[in-house]
């Protein structure tokens, strides 16, 4: 089994004190950023029986948007390798 957890890259708020916790995860990955992770996830999928990717950048529904985008990206890349 492989597990990838995406918290976002919100450097401005990550270590900031006195803010709502959800603001640490206020980040929407770009398609280019998601593309950076695809090779690692696909490599893990070739070696593991199950792969989970969990988007925890939940502020403002960014996790849902990124999960959908990443799923589509992986489908396209998988189709390209066939």
PDB file of N, CA and C in Angstrom:
ATOM      1  N   UNK A   1       0.845  -1.167   0.000  1.00  0.00           N
ATOM      2  CA  UNK A   1       0.000   0.000   0.000  1.00  0.00           C
ATOM      3  C   UNK A   1       0.899   1.242   0.000  1.00  0.00           C
ATOM      4  N   UNK A   2       0.472   2.265  -0.714  1.00  0.00           N
ATOM      5  CA  UNK A   2       1.165   3.554  -0.722  1.00  0.00           C
ATOM      6  C   UNK A   2       0.151   4.648  -0.380  1.00  0.00           C
ATOM      7  N   UNK A   3       0.634   5.664   0.300  1.00  0.00           N
ATOM      8  CA  UNK A   3      -0.245   6.741   0.758  1.00  0.00           C
ATOM      9  C   UNK A   3       0.449   8.078   0.531  1.00  0.00           C
ATOM     10  N   UNK A   4      -0.198   8.966  -0.189  1.00  0.00           N
ATOM     11  CA  UNK A   4       0.304  10.306  -0.440  1.00  0.00           C
ATOM     12  C   UNK A   4      -0.685  11.294   0.170  1.00  0.00           C
ATOM     13  N   UNK A   5      -0.156  12.250   0.899  1.00  0.00           N
ATOM     14  CA  UNK A   5      -1.012  13.242   1.543  1.00  0.00           C
ATOM     15  C   UNK A   5      -0.568  14.633   1.097  1.00  0.00           C
ATOM     16  N   UNK A   6      -1.494  15.396   0.555  1.00  0.00           N
ATOM     17  CA  UNK A   6      -1.206  16.716   0.019  1.00  0.00           C
ATOM     18  C   UNK A   6      -1.812  17.784   0.929  1.00  0.00           C
ATOM     19  N   UNK A   7      -0.949  18.515   1.614  1.00  0.00           N
ATOM     20  CA  UNK A   7      -1.393  19.550   2.542  1.00  0.00           C
ATOM     21  C   UNK A   7      -1.442  20.928   1.907  1.00  0.00           C
ATOM     22  N   UNK A   8      -0.839  21.086   0.767  1.00  0.00           N
ATOM     23  CA  UNK A   8      -0.715  22.396   0.149  1.00  0.00           C
ATOM     24  C   UNK A   8       0.667  22.958   0.391  1.00  0.00           C
ATOM     25  N   UNK A   9       0.942  24.055  -0.259  1.00  0.00           N
ATOM     26  CA  UNK A   9       2.261  24.684  -0.149  1.00  0.00           C
ATOM     27  C   UNK A   9       2.123  26.128   0.322  1.00  0.00           C
ATOM     28  N   UNK A  10       1.290  26.331   1.299  1.00  0.00           N
ATOM     29  CA  UNK A  10       1.031  27.675   1.798  1.00  0.00           C
ATOM     30  C   UNK A  10       2.124  28.067   2.795  1.00  0.00           C
ATOM     31  N   UNK A  11       3.248  28.476   2.265  1.00  0.00           N
ATOM     32  CA  UNK A  11       4.400  28.833   3.109  1.00  0.00           C
ATOM     33  C   UNK A  11       4.110  30.038   3.994  1.00  0.00           C
ATOM     34  N   UNK A  12       3.317  30.961   3.491  1.00  0.00           N
ATOM     35  CA  UNK A  12       3.016  32.179   4.238  1.00  0.00           C
ATOM     36  C   UNK A  12       2.310  31.878   5.556  1.00  0.00           C
ATOM     37  N   UNK A  13       1.384  30.934   5.542  1.00  0.00           N
ATOM     38  CA  UNK A  13       0.576  30.663   6.738  1.00  0.00           C
ATOM     39  C   UNK A  13       0.994  29.426   7.522  1.00  0.00           C
ATOM     40  N   UNK A  14       1.866  28.582   6.977  1.00  0.00           N
ATOM     41  CA  UNK A  14       2.114  27.281   7.585  1.00  0.00           C
ATOM     42  C   UNK A  14       2.561  27.372   9.042  1.00  0.00           C
ATOM     43  N   UNK A  15       3.490  28.249   9.363  1.00  0.00           N
ATOM     44  CA  UNK A  15       4.001  28.358  10.735  1.00  0.00           C
ATOM     45  C   UNK A  15       3.460  29.576  11.477  1.00  0.00           C
ATOM     46  N   UNK A  16       2.541  30.268  10.855  1.00  0.00           N
ATOM     47  CA  UNK A  16       1.978  31.476  11.472  1.00  0.00           C
ATOM     48  C   UNK A  16       1.153  31.108  12.705  1.00  0.00           C
ATOM     49  N   UNK A  17       1.350  31.840  13.751  1.00  0.00           N
ATOM     50  CA  UNK A  17       0.613  31.611  15.000  1.00  0.00           C
ATOM     51  C   UNK A  17      -0.622  32.498  15.043  1.00  0.00           C
ATOM     52  N   UNK A  18      -1.633  32.018  15.765  1.00  0.00           N
ATOM     53  CA  UNK A  18      -2.814  32.826  16.005  1.00  0.00           C
ATOM     54  C   UNK A  18      -3.792  32.892  14.845  1.00  0.00           C
ATOM     55  N   UNK A  19      -3.699  31.969  13.904  1.00  0.00           N
ATOM     56  CA  UNK A  19      -4.648  31.950  12.791  1.00  0.00           C
ATOM     57  C   UNK A  19      -5.474  30.673  12.866  1.00  0.00           C
ATOM     58  N   UNK A  20      -6.578  30.680  12.154  1.00  0.00           N
ATOM     59  CA  UNK A  20      -7.379  29.459  12.077  1.00  0.00           C
ATOM     60  C   UNK A  20      -6.554  28.365  11.409  1.00  0.00           C
ATOM     61  N   UNK A  21      -6.646  27.174  11.932  1.00  0.00           N
ATOM     62  CA  UNK A  21      -5.890  26.048  11.382  1.00  0.00           C
ATOM     63  C   UNK A  21      -6.186  25.858   9.901  1.00  0.00           C
ATOM     64  N   UNK A  22      -7.421  26.046   9.494  1.00  0.00           N
ATOM     65  CA  UNK A  22      -7.787  25.830   8.091  1.00  0.00           C
ATOM     66  C   UNK A  22      -7.002  26.736   7.153  1.00  0.00           C
ATOM     67  N   UNK A  23      -6.545  27.880   7.621  1.00  0.00           N
ATOM     68  CA  UNK A  23      -5.802  28.800   6.764  1.00  0.00           C
ATOM     69  C   UNK A  23      -4.420  28.258   6.401  1.00  0.00           C
ATOM     70  N   UNK A  24      -3.894  27.338   7.201  1.00  0.00           N
ATOM     71  CA  UNK A  24      -2.624  26.694   6.858  1.00  0.00           C
ATOM     72  C   UNK A  24      -2.770  25.863   5.588  1.00  0.00           C
ATOM     73  N   UNK A  25      -3.957  25.353   5.368  1.00  0.00           N
ATOM     74  CA  UNK A  25      -4.215  24.464   4.231  1.00  0.00           C
ATOM     75  C   UNK A  25      -4.917  25.194   3.081  1.00  0.00           C
ATOM     76  N   UNK A  26      -4.883  26.512   3.108  1.00  0.00           N
ATOM     77  CA  UNK A  26      -5.508  27.332   2.064  1.00  0.00           C
ATOM     78  C   UNK A  26      -4.567  27.394   0.870  1.00  0.00           C
ATOM     79  N   UNK A  27      -4.700  26.417  -0.018  1.00  0.00           N
ATOM     80  CA  UNK A  27      -3.807  26.327  -1.165  1.00  0.00           C
ATOM     81  C   UNK A  27      -4.464  25.514  -2.263  1.00  0.00           C
ATOM     82  N   UNK A  28      -4.375  25.997  -3.471  1.00  0.00           N
ATOM     83  CA  UNK A  28      -4.871  25.267  -4.629  1.00  0.00           C
ATOM     84  C   UNK A  28      -3.671  24.947  -5.514  1.00  0.00           C
ATOM     85  N   UNK A  29      -3.357  23.656  -5.654  1.00  0.00           N
ATOM     86  CA  UNK A  29      -2.250  23.250  -6.510  1.00  0.00           C
ATOM     87  C   UNK A  29      -2.582  23.578  -7.960  1.00  0.00           C
ATOM     88  N   UNK A  30      -1.595  24.036  -8.698  1.00  0.00           N
ATOM     89  CA  UNK A  30      -1.764  24.244 -10.137  1.00  0.00           C
ATOM     90  C   UNK A  30      -1.647  22.885 -10.837  1.00  0.00           C
ATOM     91  N   UNK A  31      -2.088  22.823 -12.074  1.00  0.00           N
ATOM     92  CA  UNK A  31      -1.945  21.583 -12.843  1.00  0.00           C
ATOM     93  C   UNK A  31      -0.471  21.201 -12.986  1.00  0.00           C
ATOM     94  N   UNK A  32       0.387  22.191 -13.142  1.00  0.00           N
ATOM     95  CA  UNK A  32       1.824  21.924 -13.254  1.00  0.00           C
ATOM     96  C   UNK A  32       2.367  21.294 -11.964  1.00  0.00           C
ATOM     97  N   UNK A  33       1.933  21.813 -10.822  1.00  0.00           N
ATOM     98  CA  UNK A  33       2.378  21.246  -9.545  1.00  0.00           C
ATOM     99  C   UNK A  33       1.881  19.813  -9.383  1.00  0.00           C
ATOM    100  N   UNK A  34       0.630  19.578  -9.730  1.00  0.00           N
ATOM    101  CA  UNK A  34       0.103  18.214  -9.643  1.00  0.00           C
ATOM    102  C   UNK A  34       0.889  17.288 -10.556  1.00  0.00           C
ATOM    103  N   UNK A  35       1.271  17.786 -11.721  1.00  0.00           N
ATOM    104  CA  UNK A  35       2.062  17.000 -12.656  1.00  0.00           C
ATOM    105  C   UNK A  35       3.400  16.568 -12.084  1.00  0.00           C
ATOM    106  N   UNK A  36       3.960  17.367 -11.182  1.00  0.00           N
ATOM    107  CA  UNK A  36       5.224  17.011 -10.529  1.00  0.00           C
ATOM    108  C   UNK A  36       5.084  15.748  -9.681  1.00  0.00           C
ATOM    109  N   UNK A  37       3.902  15.523  -9.126  1.00  0.00           N
ATOM    110  CA  UNK A  37       3.684  14.378  -8.243  1.00  0.00           C
ATOM    111  C   UNK A  37       3.295  13.109  -8.996  1.00  0.00           C
ATOM    112  N   UNK A  38       2.799  13.261 -10.205  1.00  0.00           N
ATOM    113  CA  UNK A  38       2.277  12.117 -10.958  1.00  0.00           C
ATOM    114  C   UNK A  38       3.288  10.978 -11.124  1.00  0.00           C
ATOM    115  N   UNK A  39       4.554  11.239 -11.475  1.00  0.00           N
ATOM    116  CA  UNK A  39       5.490  10.128 -11.633  1.00  0.00           C
ATOM    117  C   UNK A  39       5.665   9.294 -10.351  1.00  0.00           C
ATOM    118  N   UNK A  40       5.728   9.948  -9.217  1.00  0.00           N
ATOM    119  CA  UNK A  40       5.881   9.220  -7.947  1.00  0.00           C
ATOM    120  C   UNK A  40       4.663   8.367  -7.648  1.00  0.00           C
ATOM    121  N   UNK A  41       3.481   8.919  -7.900  1.00  0.00           N
ATOM    122  CA  UNK A  41       2.253   8.167  -7.642  1.00  0.00           C
ATOM    123  C   UNK A  41       2.138   6.984  -8.611  1.00  0.00           C
ATOM    124  N   UNK A  42       2.480   7.221  -9.866  1.00  0.00           N
ATOM    125  CA  UNK A  42       2.402   6.142 -10.844  1.00  0.00           C
ATOM    126  C   UNK A  42       3.438   5.049 -10.561  1.00  0.00           C
ATOM    127  N   UNK A  43       4.611   5.442 -10.104  1.00  0.00           N
ATOM    128  CA  UNK A  43       5.640   4.469  -9.725  1.00  0.00           C
ATOM    129  C   UNK A  43       5.163   3.633  -8.538  1.00  0.00           C
ATOM    130  N   UNK A  44       4.564   4.281  -7.572  1.00  0.00           N
ATOM    131  CA  UNK A  44       4.032   3.555  -6.415  1.00  0.00           C
ATOM    132  C   UNK A  44       2.923   2.605  -6.841  1.00  0.00           C
ATOM    133  N   UNK A  45       2.101   3.038  -7.781  1.00  0.00           N
ATOM    134  CA  UNK A  45       0.990   2.197  -8.257  1.00  0.00           C
ATOM    135  C   UNK A  45       1.502   0.940  -8.944  1.00  0.00           C
ATOM    136  N   UNK A  46       2.666   1.025  -9.559  1.00  0.00           N
ATOM    137  CA  UNK A  46       3.248  -0.152 -10.213  1.00  0.00           C
ATOM    138  C   UNK A  46       3.789  -1.150  -9.194  1.00  0.00           C
ATOM    139  N   UNK A  47       4.126  -0.661  -7.999  1.00  0.00           N
ATOM    140  CA  UNK A  47       4.729  -1.523  -6.983  1.00  0.00           C
ATOM    141  C   UNK A  47       3.776  -1.947  -5.871  1.00  0.00           C
ATOM    142  N   UNK A  48       2.718  -1.183  -5.666  1.00  0.00           N
ATOM    143  CA  UNK A  48       1.805  -1.445  -4.547  1.00  0.00           C
ATOM    144  C   UNK A  48       0.463  -1.945  -5.073  1.00  0.00           C
ATOM    145  N   UNK A  49      -0.221  -2.690  -4.239  1.00  0.00           N
ATOM    146  CA  UNK A  49      -1.537  -3.191  -4.642  1.00  0.00           C
ATOM    147  C   UNK A  49      -2.611  -2.104  -4.523  1.00  0.00           C
ATOM    148  N   UNK A  50      -2.384  -1.143  -3.638  1.00  0.00           N
ATOM    149  CA  UNK A  50      -3.343  -0.057  -3.419  1.00  0.00           C
ATOM    150  C   UNK A  50      -2.583   1.247  -3.218  1.00  0.00           C
ATOM    151  N   UNK A  51      -3.067   2.317  -3.841  1.00  0.00           N
ATOM    152  CA  UNK A  51      -2.473   3.640  -3.664  1.00  0.00           C
ATOM    153  C   UNK A  51      -3.582   4.619  -3.280  1.00  0.00           C
ATOM    154  N   UNK A  52      -3.332   5.353  -2.218  1.00  0.00           N
ATOM    155  CA  UNK A  52      -4.258   6.389  -1.774  1.00  0.00           C
ATOM    156  C   UNK A  52      -3.593   7.744  -1.950  1.00  0.00           C
ATOM    157  N   UNK A  53      -4.340   8.710  -2.445  1.00  0.00           N
ATOM    158  CA  UNK A  53      -3.888  10.100  -2.448  1.00  0.00           C
ATOM    159  C   UNK A  53      -4.957  10.895  -1.704  1.00  0.00           C
ATOM    160  N   UNK A  54      -4.519  11.616  -0.686  1.00  0.00           N
ATOM    161  CA  UNK A  54      -5.454  12.350   0.158  1.00  0.00           C
ATOM    162  C   UNK A  54      -5.100  13.829   0.104  1.00  0.00           C
ATOM    163  N   UNK A  55      -6.045  14.630  -0.328  1.00  0.00           N
ATOM    164  CA  UNK A  55      -5.834  16.064  -0.383  1.00  0.00           C
ATOM    165  C   UNK A  55      -6.402  16.686   0.882  1.00  0.00           C
ATOM    166  N   UNK A  56      -5.512  17.299   1.664  1.00  0.00           N
ATOM    167  CA  UNK A  56      -5.891  17.907   2.934  1.00  0.00           C
ATOM    168  C   UNK A  56      -5.854  19.439   2.852  1.00  0.00           C
ATOM    169  N   UNK A  57      -5.746  19.957   1.633  1.00  0.00           N
ATOM    170  CA  UNK A  57      -5.782  21.408   1.443  1.00  0.00           C
ATOM    171  C   UNK A  57      -7.244  21.836   1.322  1.00  0.00           C
ATOM    172  N   UNK A  58      -7.963  21.621   2.421  1.00  0.00           N
ATOM    173  CA  UNK A  58      -9.430  21.623   2.399  1.00  0.00           C
ATOM    174  C   UNK A  58     -10.082  23.004   2.444  1.00  0.00           C
ATOM    175  N   UNK A  59      -9.328  24.044   2.634  1.00  0.00           N
ATOM    176  CA  UNK A  59      -9.909  25.382   2.720  1.00  0.00           C
ATOM    177  C   UNK A  59     -10.502  25.786   1.371  1.00  0.00           C
ATOM    178  N   UNK A  60     -11.741  26.219   1.352  1.00  0.00           N
ATOM    179  CA  UNK A  60     -12.370  26.706   0.127  1.00  0.00           C
ATOM    180  C   UNK A  60     -12.562  25.652  -0.944  1.00  0.00           C
ATOM    181  N   UNK A  61     -12.722  24.407  -0.554  1.00  0.00           N
ATOM    182  CA  UNK A  61     -12.954  23.292  -1.484  1.00  0.00           C
ATOM    183  C   UNK A  61     -11.776  23.020  -2.411  1.00  0.00           C
ATOM    184  N   UNK A  62     -10.592  23.499  -2.060  1.00  0.00           N
ATOM    185  CA  UNK A  62      -9.419  23.237  -2.888  1.00  0.00           C
ATOM    186  C   UNK A  62      -9.109  21.753  -2.979  1.00  0.00           C
ATOM    187  N   UNK A  63      -9.341  21.014  -1.904  1.00  0.00           N
ATOM    188  CA  UNK A  63      -9.053  19.575  -1.919  1.00  0.00           C
ATOM    189  C   UNK A  63      -9.891  18.855  -2.965  1.00  0.00           C
ATOM    190  N   UNK A  64     -11.157  19.187  -3.033  1.00  0.00           N
ATOM    191  CA  UNK A  64     -12.049  18.541  -4.007  1.00  0.00           C
ATOM    192  C   UNK A  64     -11.608  18.884  -5.418  1.00  0.00           C
ATOM    193  N   UNK A  65     -11.340  20.157  -5.658  1.00  0.00           N
ATOM    194  CA  UNK A  65     -10.912  20.584  -6.994  1.00  0.00           C
ATOM    195  C   UNK A  65      -9.616  19.899  -7.403  1.00  0.00           C
ATOM    196  N   UNK A  66      -8.637  19.844  -6.473  1.00  0.00           N
ATOM    197  CA  UNK A  66      -7.369  19.210  -6.804  1.00  0.00           C
ATOM    198  C   UNK A  66      -7.499  17.704  -6.955  1.00  0.00           C
ATOM    199  N   UNK A  67      -8.339  17.070  -6.165  1.00  0.00           N
ATOM    200  CA  UNK A  67      -8.532  15.622  -6.297  1.00  0.00           C
ATOM    201  C   UNK A  67      -9.112  15.279  -7.670  1.00  0.00           C
ATOM    202  N   UNK A  68     -10.059  16.052  -8.122  1.00  0.00           N
ATOM    203  CA  UNK A  68     -10.651  15.825  -9.445  1.00  0.00           C
ATOM    204  C   UNK A  68      -9.606  16.053 -10.531  1.00  0.00           C
ATOM    205  N   UNK A  69      -8.870  17.143 -10.432  1.00  0.00           N
ATOM    206  CA  UNK A  69      -7.843  17.452 -11.428  1.00  0.00           C
ATOM    207  C   UNK A  69      -6.762  16.382 -11.461  1.00  0.00           C
ATOM    208  N   UNK A  70      -6.331  15.934 -10.289  1.00  0.00           N
ATOM    209  CA  UNK A  70      -5.265  14.935 -10.216  1.00  0.00           C
ATOM    210  C   UNK A  70      -5.740  13.591 -10.763  1.00  0.00           C
ATOM    211  N   UNK A  71      -6.963  13.228 -10.482  1.00  0.00           N
ATOM    212  CA  UNK A  71      -7.533  11.991 -11.022  1.00  0.00           C
ATOM    213  C   UNK A  71      -7.532  12.024 -12.545  1.00  0.00           C
ATOM    214  N   UNK A  72      -7.976  13.137 -13.109  1.00  0.00           N
ATOM    215  CA  UNK A  72      -7.999  13.277 -14.572  1.00  0.00           C
ATOM    216  C   UNK A  72      -6.586  13.251 -15.156  1.00  0.00           C
ATOM    217  N   UNK A  73      -5.659  13.909 -14.485  1.00  0.00           N
ATOM    218  CA  UNK A  73      -4.265  13.922 -14.925  1.00  0.00           C
ATOM    219  C   UNK A  73      -3.691  12.508 -14.946  1.00  0.00           C
ATOM    220  N   UNK A  74      -3.933  11.747 -13.888  1.00  0.00           N
ATOM    221  CA  UNK A  74      -3.419  10.372 -13.823  1.00  0.00           C
ATOM    222  C   UNK A  74      -4.066   9.492 -14.885  1.00  0.00           C
ATOM    223  N   UNK A  75      -5.336   9.693 -15.145  1.00  0.00           N
ATOM    224  CA  UNK A  75      -6.008   8.926 -16.205  1.00  0.00           C
ATOM    225  C   UNK A  75      -5.357   9.200 -17.557  1.00  0.00           C
ATOM    226  N   UNK A  76      -5.089  10.474 -17.840  1.00  0.00           N
ATOM    227  CA  UNK A  76      -4.451  10.837 -19.119  1.00  0.00           C
ATOM    228  C   UNK A  76      -3.055  10.236 -19.229  1.00  0.00           C
ATOM    229  N   UNK A  77      -2.280  10.347 -18.153  1.00  0.00           N
ATOM    230  CA  UNK A  77      -0.916   9.807 -18.170  1.00  0.00           C
ATOM    231  C   UNK A  77      -0.926   8.294 -18.301  1.00  0.00           C
ATOM    232  N   UNK A  78      -1.881   7.658 -17.635  1.00  0.00           N
ATOM    233  CA  UNK A  78      -2.002   6.204 -17.730  1.00  0.00           C
ATOM    234  C   UNK A  78      -2.361   5.790 -19.149  1.00  0.00           C
ATOM    235  N   UNK A  79      -3.254   6.514 -19.792  1.00  0.00           N
ATOM    236  CA  UNK A  79      -3.635   6.219 -21.167  1.00  0.00           C
ATOM    237  C   UNK A  79      -2.458   6.415 -22.110  1.00  0.00           C
ATOM    238  N   UNK A  80      -1.598   7.401 -21.819  1.00  0.00           N
ATOM    239  CA  UNK A  80      -0.437   7.671 -22.655  1.00  0.00           C
ATOM    240  C   UNK A  80       0.608   6.563 -22.587  1.00  0.00           C
ATOM    241  N   UNK A  81       0.618   5.825 -21.486  1.00  0.00           N
ATOM    242  CA  UNK A  81       1.632   4.770 -21.321  1.00  0.00           C
ATOM    243  C   UNK A  81       1.187   3.428 -21.894  1.00  0.00           C
ATOM    244  N   UNK A  82      -0.025   3.358 -22.358  1.00  0.00           N
ATOM    245  CA  UNK A  82      -0.527   2.086 -22.914  1.00  0.00           C
ATOM    246  C   UNK A  82      -0.147   1.924 -24.348  1.00  0.00           C
TER     247      UNK A  82
END
